[in-house]
Structure formats: structure tokens, C-alpha cells
Amino acid sequence: MADKKIKQIAIYGKGGIGKSTTTSNISAALAKAGYKVMQVGCDPKSDSTNTLRDGKYIPTVLDTLRERKVFKLNEVVYEGFSGVLCVEAGGPAPGVGCAGRGIITAVQLLKQLKAFDDLNLDVVIYDVLGDVVCGGFAVPIREGIAQHVFTVSSADFMAIYAANNLFKGIAKYSNSGGALLGGLIANSINTPYAKEIIDDFVGRTKTQVMEYVPRSVTVTQSELRGKTTIEAAPTS
């Protein structure tokens, strides 16, 4: 299946904006629809895939690499809800080194271990911290690893500020063959005022809203159970 065209997507967003929650639910929904999905957590907190695995952490690529230089694919790739394959890039010890290095190392190792060739994937989704677009965090955009980038943002000023910085980075790298902007996922939109702010921002940046996602206690309740909403409350 080496010649199979895999759809690779990066989802960025400011810390705490609901990026990992959104990404995991997208992964779960795609898996339920019959696609073979891999989610790669690119945040040093290494908790991107927790709700796909009943709240459990998995060994990260960097931690495993620190323990031993040679390992097998199944030591860093774990199966989650509905067959979603979960990977956590990991990061350095707090205050030491570049957190973005985990993304670079993880992507290189997944290629070396032929994960993208041998696992018969349809979609790979990178869940990337988007407060800053620099160094390793820009790798999915800069190197064209992801064909499309989506950003998660609420109507809060700092979330939109982070999204705007991300758009600048995408504009720069897309001209040199990097990933292209897919659009904005508007999260926690419960009032007409919040929607108007998002719509104004999208209009000024000439992008598009993929969906308006309301703030819901069901999402919080699902996460407290260590699950995506797709799994915990499929009829909600």
C-alpha cells in the first residue's frame, strides 16, 4: 500500500482552546465512518490521545528513544477507540531543550519505521500546539507534511491573536510548497456576539469557518470519563 495517497492534516490552536478535544472527536468520527486514522499528538504535555484511550497516557516517541535507540513500531503506536492509531511525540524535560524537537523526531521515526506505508492509513491528523509557530511546531506546515491546516479558535482575543499568527505562518510557508490553510473551527460559540467576532475575523483574513461548535457540558462529562463525545454520547 506504499502508493496509497494518505490525507495528512494539521490542527493548530492556542493551549486550552479545545484543540485536542476537537481533534480526537474528528479522529473518532472518521474511524466510525470506516477510515483508518492515526492521530499524532505534538504537544509536550503528551495528552492529545487520552480520550481515545479511556484517559490513559501512552509512552511518547522521545521518552522511548531516550530509553533505547532501537525499537519497534508497536512500542510507540497504540490502538484507541474504533481502531484509531495513537502516537504522542513527547517533549524534553521542562526548561530543557526545544519542545518542537519532539515533532521533528517523531515524524522522522515514523517515516523510518515505515508507519505511513505499512499501516494502511487513510488519514493522519497532527494535533499541534499553536500559541507560537516556530521551530519544530512549524514542521507540519513548513515541510508540507500536512496538506491542509485547520485552526481551532474561540471568540476570545488571545485565541484569535494566536490564530492570526498561525495564518501568517501558513501564508509564508504555503508560497514555498508548504501546507495550505483549510479553515477555522470556531469553538465554544454560544452567543450571536461570539459568532459575529469569528465571522469578522474570517472575513478580514479571507478564510472560512468549517463549523461553529457550541460549548457543551456533554463534552466535559465525556472527557471526565476519559472518552470522546463520539464514544461516550454518540446520540447527543
C-alpha atoms as a PDB file:
ATOM      1  CA  MET A   1       0.000   0.000   0.000  1.00  0.00           C
ATOM      2  CA  ALA A   2       3.042   2.271  -0.354  1.00  0.00           C
ATOM      3  CA  ASP A   3       1.438   4.074  -3.302  1.00  0.00           C
ATOM      4  CA  LYS A   4      -1.755   4.858  -1.388  1.00  0.00           C
ATOM      5  CA  LYS A   5      -2.441   8.591  -1.032  1.00  0.00           C
ATOM      6  CA  ILE A   6      -2.795   9.420   2.655  1.00  0.00           C
ATOM      7  CA  LYS A   7      -4.620  12.582   3.699  1.00  0.00           C
ATOM      8  CA  GLN A   8      -2.442  14.411   6.230  1.00  0.00           C
ATOM      9  CA  ILE A   9      -3.977  17.250   8.243  1.00  0.00           C
ATOM     10  CA  ALA A  10      -2.593  19.501  10.987  1.00  0.00           C
ATOM     11  CA  ILE A  11      -4.886  21.079  13.570  1.00  0.00           C
ATOM     12  CA  TYR A  12      -3.402  24.018  15.462  1.00  0.00           C
ATOM     13  CA  GLY A  13      -4.745  26.106  18.304  1.00  0.00           C
ATOM     14  CA  LYS A  14      -3.869  28.071  21.406  1.00  0.00           C
ATOM     15  CA  GLY A  15      -3.349  25.969  24.554  1.00  0.00           C
ATOM     16  CA  GLY A  16      -6.623  25.256  26.360  1.00  0.00           C
ATOM     17  CA  ILE A  17      -8.808  26.230  23.415  1.00  0.00           C
ATOM     18  CA  GLY A  18     -10.211  22.712  22.911  1.00  0.00           C
ATOM     19  CA  LYS A  19      -7.845  21.728  20.125  1.00  0.00           C
ATOM     20  CA  SER A  20      -7.112  18.207  21.363  1.00  0.00           C
ATOM     21  CA  THR A  21     -10.774  17.646  22.244  1.00  0.00           C
ATOM     22  CA  THR A  22     -11.777  18.685  18.737  1.00  0.00           C
ATOM     23  CA  THR A  23      -9.019  16.665  17.076  1.00  0.00           C
ATOM     24  CA  SER A  24      -9.814  13.480  18.997  1.00  0.00           C
ATOM     25  CA  ASN A  25     -13.512  13.749  18.170  1.00  0.00           C
ATOM     26  CA  ILE A  26     -12.676  14.238  14.483  1.00  0.00           C
ATOM     27  CA  SER A  27     -10.406  11.167  14.613  1.00  0.00           C
ATOM     28  CA  ALA A  28     -13.123   9.147  16.346  1.00  0.00           C
ATOM     29  CA  ALA A  29     -15.796  10.265  13.872  1.00  0.00           C
ATOM     30  CA  LEU A  30     -13.610   9.419  10.864  1.00  0.00           C
ATOM     31  CA  ALA A  31     -12.815   5.998  12.356  1.00  0.00           C
ATOM     32  CA  LYS A  32     -16.512   5.301  12.936  1.00  0.00           C
ATOM     33  CA  ALA A  33     -17.110   6.262   9.304  1.00  0.00           C
ATOM     34  CA  GLY A  34     -14.724   3.496   8.256  1.00  0.00           C
ATOM     35  CA  TYR A  35     -11.443   5.339   7.721  1.00  0.00           C
ATOM     36  CA  LYS A  36      -8.096   4.127   9.058  1.00  0.00           C
ATOM     37  CA  VAL A  37      -6.887   7.043  11.175  1.00  0.00           C
ATOM     38  CA  MET A  38      -3.678   7.927  13.004  1.00  0.00           C
ATOM     39  CA  GLN A  39      -3.574  10.825  15.473  1.00  0.00           C
ATOM     40  CA  VAL A  40      -0.151  12.239  16.314  1.00  0.00           C
ATOM     41  CA  GLY A  41      -0.067  14.349  19.467  1.00  0.00           C
ATOM     42  CA  CYS A  42       2.515  17.130  19.034  1.00  0.00           C
ATOM     43  CA  ASP A  43       2.165  18.833  22.419  1.00  0.00           C
ATOM     44  CA  PRO A  44       4.829  18.300  25.126  1.00  0.00           C
ATOM     45  CA  LYS A  45       2.011  17.520  27.593  1.00  0.00           C
ATOM     46  CA  SER A  46       1.512  14.296  25.630  1.00  0.00           C
ATOM     47  CA  ASP A  47      -2.208  14.078  26.370  1.00  0.00           C
ATOM     48  CA  SER A  48      -3.662  14.543  22.890  1.00  0.00           C
ATOM     49  CA  THR A  49      -4.836  10.938  22.537  1.00  0.00           C
ATOM     50  CA  ASN A  50      -6.004  10.345  26.127  1.00  0.00           C
ATOM     51  CA  THR A  51      -9.716  10.495  25.368  1.00  0.00           C
ATOM     52  CA  LEU A  52      -9.228   7.928  22.616  1.00  0.00           C
ATOM     53  CA  ARG A  53      -7.785   5.519  25.214  1.00  0.00           C
ATOM     54  CA  ASP A  54     -10.044   5.812  28.265  1.00  0.00           C
ATOM     55  CA  GLY A  55      -7.955   8.614  29.741  1.00  0.00           C
ATOM     56  CA  LYS A  56      -4.704   6.636  29.668  1.00  0.00           C
ATOM     57  CA  TYR A  57      -1.326   8.069  28.701  1.00  0.00           C
ATOM     58  CA  ILE A  58       0.913   6.213  26.250  1.00  0.00           C
ATOM     59  CA  PRO A  59       4.736   6.170  26.048  1.00  0.00           C
ATOM     60  CA  THR A  60       5.989   9.030  23.896  1.00  0.00           C
ATOM     61  CA  VAL A  61       8.388   8.747  20.976  1.00  0.00           C
ATOM     62  CA  LEU A  62      11.019  10.897  22.735  1.00  0.00           C
ATOM     63  CA  ASP A  63      10.769   9.002  26.048  1.00  0.00           C
ATOM     64  CA  THR A  64      11.084   5.678  24.245  1.00  0.00           C
ATOM     65  CA  LEU A  65      14.038   6.972  22.252  1.00  0.00           C
ATOM     66  CA  ARG A  66      15.750   8.111  25.441  1.00  0.00           C
ATOM     67  CA  GLU A  67      15.371   4.637  26.928  1.00  0.00           C
ATOM     68  CA  ARG A  68      16.681   2.792  23.890  1.00  0.00           C
ATOM     69  CA  LYS A  69      17.850   3.808  20.449  1.00  0.00           C
ATOM     70  CA  VAL A  70      16.201   0.902  18.614  1.00  0.00           C
ATOM     71  CA  PHE A  71      12.545  -0.028  18.983  1.00  0.00           C
ATOM     72  CA  LYS A  72       9.604  -1.356  17.017  1.00  0.00           C
ATOM     73  CA  LEU A  73       6.594   0.489  15.652  1.00  0.00           C
ATOM     74  CA  ASN A  74       4.193  -1.123  18.129  1.00  0.00           C
ATOM     75  CA  GLU A  75       6.165   0.391  21.015  1.00  0.00           C
ATOM     76  CA  VAL A  76       5.111   3.934  20.056  1.00  0.00           C
ATOM     77  CA  VAL A  77       1.853   3.315  18.152  1.00  0.00           C
ATOM     78  CA  TYR A  78      -1.139   2.293  20.290  1.00  0.00           C
ATOM     79  CA  GLU A  79      -4.681   1.449  19.273  1.00  0.00           C
ATOM     80  CA  GLY A  80      -7.514   3.579  20.598  1.00  0.00           C
ATOM     81  CA  PHE A  81     -11.264   3.925  20.158  1.00  0.00           C
ATOM     82  CA  SER A  82     -12.636   2.349  16.975  1.00  0.00           C
ATOM     83  CA  GLY A  83      -9.110   1.462  15.829  1.00  0.00           C
ATOM     84  CA  VAL A  84      -7.646   4.985  15.832  1.00  0.00           C
ATOM     85  CA  LEU A  85      -3.857   4.620  15.999  1.00  0.00           C
ATOM     86  CA  CYS A  86      -2.391   6.913  18.659  1.00  0.00           C
ATOM     87  CA  VAL A  87       1.108   8.421  18.782  1.00  0.00           C
ATOM     88  CA  GLU A  88       2.496  11.011  21.203  1.00  0.00           C
ATOM     89  CA  ALA A  89       5.645  12.831  20.097  1.00  0.00           C
ATOM     90  CA  GLY A  90       6.532  13.977  23.615  1.00  0.00           C
ATOM     91  CA  GLY A  91       8.974  16.678  24.593  1.00  0.00           C
ATOM     92  CA  PRO A  92      12.052  17.459  26.670  1.00  0.00           C
ATOM     93  CA  ALA A  93      12.143  17.821  30.434  1.00  0.00           C
ATOM     94  CA  PRO A  94      10.612  21.174  31.487  1.00  0.00           C
ATOM     95  CA  GLY A  95      13.034  24.040  30.888  1.00  0.00           C
ATOM     96  CA  VAL A  96      15.415  21.912  28.811  1.00  0.00           C
ATOM     97  CA  GLY A  97      15.650  21.918  25.030  1.00  0.00           C
ATOM     98  CA  CYS A  98      13.150  22.690  22.275  1.00  0.00           C
ATOM     99  CA  ALA A  99       9.667  21.227  22.657  1.00  0.00           C
ATOM    100  CA  GLY A 100       9.220  21.346  18.885  1.00  0.00           C
ATOM    101  CA  ARG A 101      12.053  18.866  18.537  1.00  0.00           C
ATOM    102  CA  GLY A 102       9.643  16.102  19.528  1.00  0.00           C
ATOM    103  CA  ILE A 103       7.598  16.696  16.408  1.00  0.00           C
ATOM    104  CA  ILE A 104      10.641  16.578  14.136  1.00  0.00           C
ATOM    105  CA  THR A 105      11.926  13.391  15.779  1.00  0.00           C
ATOM    106  CA  ALA A 106       8.530  11.680  15.802  1.00  0.00           C
ATOM    107  CA  VAL A 107       7.838  12.353  12.131  1.00  0.00           C
ATOM    108  CA  GLN A 108      11.327  11.194  11.128  1.00  0.00           C
ATOM    109  CA  LEU A 109      10.988   7.987  13.139  1.00  0.00           C
ATOM    110  CA  LEU A 110       7.511   7.196  11.830  1.00  0.00           C
ATOM    111  CA  LYS A 111       8.936   7.511   8.316  1.00  0.00           C
ATOM    112  CA  GLN A 112      11.956   5.343   9.169  1.00  0.00           C
ATOM    113  CA  LEU A 113       9.688   2.676  10.682  1.00  0.00           C
ATOM    114  CA  LYS A 114       7.503   2.852   7.538  1.00  0.00           C
ATOM    115  CA  ALA A 115       4.400   3.609   9.592  1.00  0.00           C
ATOM    116  CA  PHE A 116       2.775   5.540   6.756  1.00  0.00           C
ATOM    117  CA  ASP A 117       3.426   2.704   4.299  1.00  0.00           C
ATOM    118  CA  ASP A 118       2.701  -0.380   6.387  1.00  0.00           C
ATOM    119  CA  LEU A 119      -0.344   0.639   8.454  1.00  0.00           C
ATOM    120  CA  ASN A 120      -2.705   1.166   5.506  1.00  0.00           C
ATOM    121  CA  LEU A 121      -3.723   4.639   6.719  1.00  0.00           C
ATOM    122  CA  ASP A 122      -6.336   6.868   5.138  1.00  0.00           C
ATOM    123  CA  VAL A 123      -5.875   9.929   7.351  1.00  0.00           C
ATOM    124  CA  VAL A 124      -3.117  11.232   9.637  1.00  0.00           C
ATOM    125  CA  ILE A 125      -4.052  14.119  11.931  1.00  0.00           C
ATOM    126  CA  TYR A 126      -1.355  16.118  13.744  1.00  0.00           C
ATOM    127  CA  ASP A 127      -2.554  17.849  16.914  1.00  0.00           C
ATOM    128  CA  VAL A 128      -0.164  20.783  17.263  1.00  0.00           C
ATOM    129  CA  LEU A 129       0.215  23.494  19.895  1.00  0.00           C
ATOM    130  CA  GLY A 130      -0.430  26.782  18.109  1.00  0.00           C
ATOM    131  CA  ASP A 131       0.486  29.571  20.533  1.00  0.00           C
ATOM    132  CA  VAL A 132       3.690  30.008  18.576  1.00  0.00           C
ATOM    133  CA  VAL A 133       4.588  28.955  15.054  1.00  0.00           C
ATOM    134  CA  CYS A 134       8.320  28.413  15.260  1.00  0.00           C
ATOM    135  CA  GLY A 135      10.942  25.693  15.097  1.00  0.00           C
ATOM    136  CA  GLY A 136       9.554  22.195  15.382  1.00  0.00           C
ATOM    137  CA  PHE A 137       5.976  23.360  15.811  1.00  0.00           C
ATOM    138  CA  ALA A 138       6.053  24.700  12.247  1.00  0.00           C
ATOM    139  CA  VAL A 139       7.296  21.416  10.766  1.00  0.00           C
ATOM    140  CA  PRO A 140       3.875  20.104   9.580  1.00  0.00           C
ATOM    141  CA  ILE A 141       3.353  23.424   7.761  1.00  0.00           C
ATOM    142  CA  ARG A 142       6.877  24.247   6.642  1.00  0.00           C
ATOM    143  CA  GLU A 143       7.776  20.844   5.246  1.00  0.00           C
ATOM    144  CA  GLY A 144       4.440  20.176   3.614  1.00  0.00           C
ATOM    145  CA  ILE A 145       3.920  17.082   5.781  1.00  0.00           C
ATOM    146  CA  ALA A 146       0.291  18.109   6.199  1.00  0.00           C
ATOM    147  CA  GLN A 147      -1.551  19.085   3.039  1.00  0.00           C
ATOM    148  CA  HIS A 148      -4.036  21.219   4.938  1.00  0.00           C
ATOM    149  CA  VAL A 149      -4.015  23.125   8.220  1.00  0.00           C
ATOM    150  CA  PHE A 150      -7.033  23.939  10.353  1.00  0.00           C
ATOM    151  CA  THR A 151      -7.016  26.100  13.434  1.00  0.00           C
ATOM    152  CA  VAL A 152      -9.324  25.922  16.446  1.00  0.00           C
ATOM    153  CA  SER A 153     -10.281  29.262  17.976  1.00  0.00           C
ATOM    154  CA  SER A 154     -12.903  30.726  20.261  1.00  0.00           C
ATOM    155  CA  ALA A 155     -14.009  34.364  20.034  1.00  0.00           C
ATOM    156  CA  ASP A 156     -11.599  35.355  22.842  1.00  0.00           C
ATOM    157  CA  PHE A 157      -8.984  37.925  21.897  1.00  0.00           C
ATOM    158  CA  MET A 158      -5.900  35.806  22.666  1.00  0.00           C
ATOM    159  CA  ALA A 159      -7.281  32.803  20.796  1.00  0.00           C
ATOM    160  CA  ILE A 160      -7.883  34.937  17.708  1.00  0.00           C
ATOM    161  CA  TYR A 161      -4.476  36.577  18.155  1.00  0.00           C
ATOM    162  CA  ALA A 162      -2.847  33.114  18.115  1.00  0.00           C
ATOM    163  CA  ALA A 163      -4.919  32.090  15.091  1.00  0.00           C
ATOM    164  CA  ASN A 164      -3.852  35.246  13.244  1.00  0.00           C
ATOM    165  CA  ASN A 165      -0.182  34.486  13.910  1.00  0.00           C
ATOM    166  CA  LEU A 166      -0.756  30.988  12.611  1.00  0.00           C
ATOM    167  CA  PHE A 167      -2.349  32.343   9.438  1.00  0.00           C
ATOM    168  CA  LYS A 168       0.750  34.492   8.866  1.00  0.00           C
ATOM    169  CA  GLY A 169       2.971  31.426   9.149  1.00  0.00           C
ATOM    170  CA  ILE A 170       0.792  29.435   6.764  1.00  0.00           C
ATOM    171  CA  ALA A 171       0.818  32.278   4.231  1.00  0.00           C
ATOM    172  CA  LYS A 172       4.610  32.363   4.365  1.00  0.00           C
ATOM    173  CA  TYR A 173       5.185  28.631   4.036  1.00  0.00           C
ATOM    174  CA  SER A 174       2.405  27.849   1.574  1.00  0.00           C
ATOM    175  CA  ASN A 175       4.176  30.035  -1.018  1.00  0.00           C
ATOM    176  CA  SER A 176       7.177  27.708  -0.820  1.00  0.00           C
ATOM    177  CA  GLY A 177       5.183  24.499  -1.137  1.00  0.00           C
ATOM    178  CA  GLY A 178       4.067  24.067   2.480  1.00  0.00           C
ATOM    179  CA  ALA A 179       0.608  23.205   3.776  1.00  0.00           C
ATOM    180  CA  LEU A 180      -2.420  25.258   2.790  1.00  0.00           C
ATOM    181  CA  LEU A 181      -4.989  26.763   5.142  1.00  0.00           C
ATOM    182  CA  GLY A 182      -8.170  24.725   5.259  1.00  0.00           C
ATOM    183  CA  GLY A 183     -10.133  26.971   7.582  1.00  0.00           C
ATOM    184  CA  LEU A 184     -11.123  27.780  11.145  1.00  0.00           C
ATOM    185  CA  ILE A 185     -13.048  25.590  13.581  1.00  0.00           C
ATOM    186  CA  ALA A 186     -14.949  28.005  15.826  1.00  0.00           C
ATOM    187  CA  ASN A 187     -15.161  26.509  19.320  1.00  0.00           C
ATOM    188  CA  SER A 188     -17.296  27.480  22.341  1.00  0.00           C
ATOM    189  CA  ILE A 189     -19.600  29.663  20.253  1.00  0.00           C
ATOM    190  CA  ASN A 190     -22.791  30.066  22.292  1.00  0.00           C
ATOM    191  CA  THR A 191     -23.812  33.660  21.575  1.00  0.00           C
ATOM    192  CA  PRO A 192     -24.549  35.709  18.427  1.00  0.00           C
ATOM    193  CA  TYR A 193     -21.873  38.162  19.603  1.00  0.00           C
ATOM    194  CA  ALA A 194     -19.181  35.442  19.619  1.00  0.00           C
ATOM    195  CA  LYS A 195     -20.229  34.292  16.160  1.00  0.00           C
ATOM    196  CA  GLU A 196     -20.022  37.871  14.867  1.00  0.00           C
ATOM    197  CA  ILE A 197     -16.426  38.203  16.153  1.00  0.00           C
ATOM    198  CA  ILE A 198     -15.423  34.956  14.425  1.00  0.00           C
ATOM    199  CA  ASP A 199     -17.177  35.960  11.204  1.00  0.00           C
ATOM    200  CA  ASP A 200     -15.447  39.340  11.230  1.00  0.00           C
ATOM    201  CA  PHE A 201     -12.027  37.721  11.721  1.00  0.00           C
ATOM    202  CA  VAL A 202     -12.679  35.150   8.981  1.00  0.00           C
ATOM    203  CA  GLY A 203     -13.792  37.918   6.617  1.00  0.00           C
ATOM    204  CA  ARG A 204     -10.696  40.004   7.278  1.00  0.00           C
ATOM    205  CA  THR A 205      -8.339  37.040   6.809  1.00  0.00           C
ATOM    206  CA  LYS A 206     -10.190  35.702   3.750  1.00  0.00           C
ATOM    207  CA  THR A 207     -10.574  32.220   5.156  1.00  0.00           C
ATOM    208  CA  GLN A 208     -13.644  30.145   6.058  1.00  0.00           C
ATOM    209  CA  VAL A 209     -15.410  28.717   9.094  1.00  0.00           C
ATOM    210  CA  MET A 210     -15.543  24.925   8.916  1.00  0.00           C
ATOM    211  CA  GLU A 211     -18.048  24.683  11.769  1.00  0.00           C
ATOM    212  CA  TYR A 212     -19.350  26.544  14.817  1.00  0.00           C
ATOM    213  CA  VAL A 213     -19.061  24.263  17.855  1.00  0.00           C
ATOM    214  CA  PRO A 214     -21.105  25.268  20.933  1.00  0.00           C
ATOM    215  CA  ARG A 215     -19.783  24.939  24.469  1.00  0.00           C
ATOM    216  CA  SER A 216     -21.452  21.835  25.911  1.00  0.00           C
ATOM    217  CA  VAL A 217     -21.395  20.141  29.290  1.00  0.00           C
ATOM    218  CA  THR A 218     -21.681  16.818  27.435  1.00  0.00           C
ATOM    219  CA  VAL A 219     -18.154  17.285  26.106  1.00  0.00           C
ATOM    220  CA  THR A 220     -16.830  17.950  29.619  1.00  0.00           C
ATOM    221  CA  GLN A 221     -18.683  14.948  31.056  1.00  0.00           C
ATOM    222  CA  SER A 222     -17.284  12.723  28.307  1.00  0.00           C
ATOM    223  CA  GLU A 223     -13.725  13.923  28.948  1.00  0.00           C
ATOM    224  CA  LEU A 224     -14.084  13.254  32.684  1.00  0.00           C
ATOM    225  CA  ARG A 225     -14.798   9.652  31.689  1.00  0.00           C
ATOM    226  CA  GLY A 226     -11.654   9.668  29.544  1.00  0.00           C
ATOM    227  CA  LYS A 227     -13.624   9.450  26.311  1.00  0.00           C
ATOM    228  CA  THR A 228     -14.501  11.448  23.217  1.00  0.00           C
ATOM    229  CA  THR A 229     -18.084  12.647  22.869  1.00  0.00           C
ATOM    230  CA  ILE A 230     -18.357  10.386  19.809  1.00  0.00           C
ATOM    231  CA  GLU A 231     -17.793   7.370  22.075  1.00  0.00           C
ATOM    232  CA  ALA A 232     -19.416   8.473  25.339  1.00  0.00           C
ATOM    233  CA  ALA A 233     -22.502  10.230  23.958  1.00  0.00           C
ATOM    234  CA  PRO A 234     -22.954   9.198  20.319  1.00  0.00           C
ATOM    235  CA  THR A 235     -26.616  10.277  20.217  1.00  0.00           C
ATOM    236  CA  SER A 236     -26.073  13.667  21.929  1.00  0.00           C
END
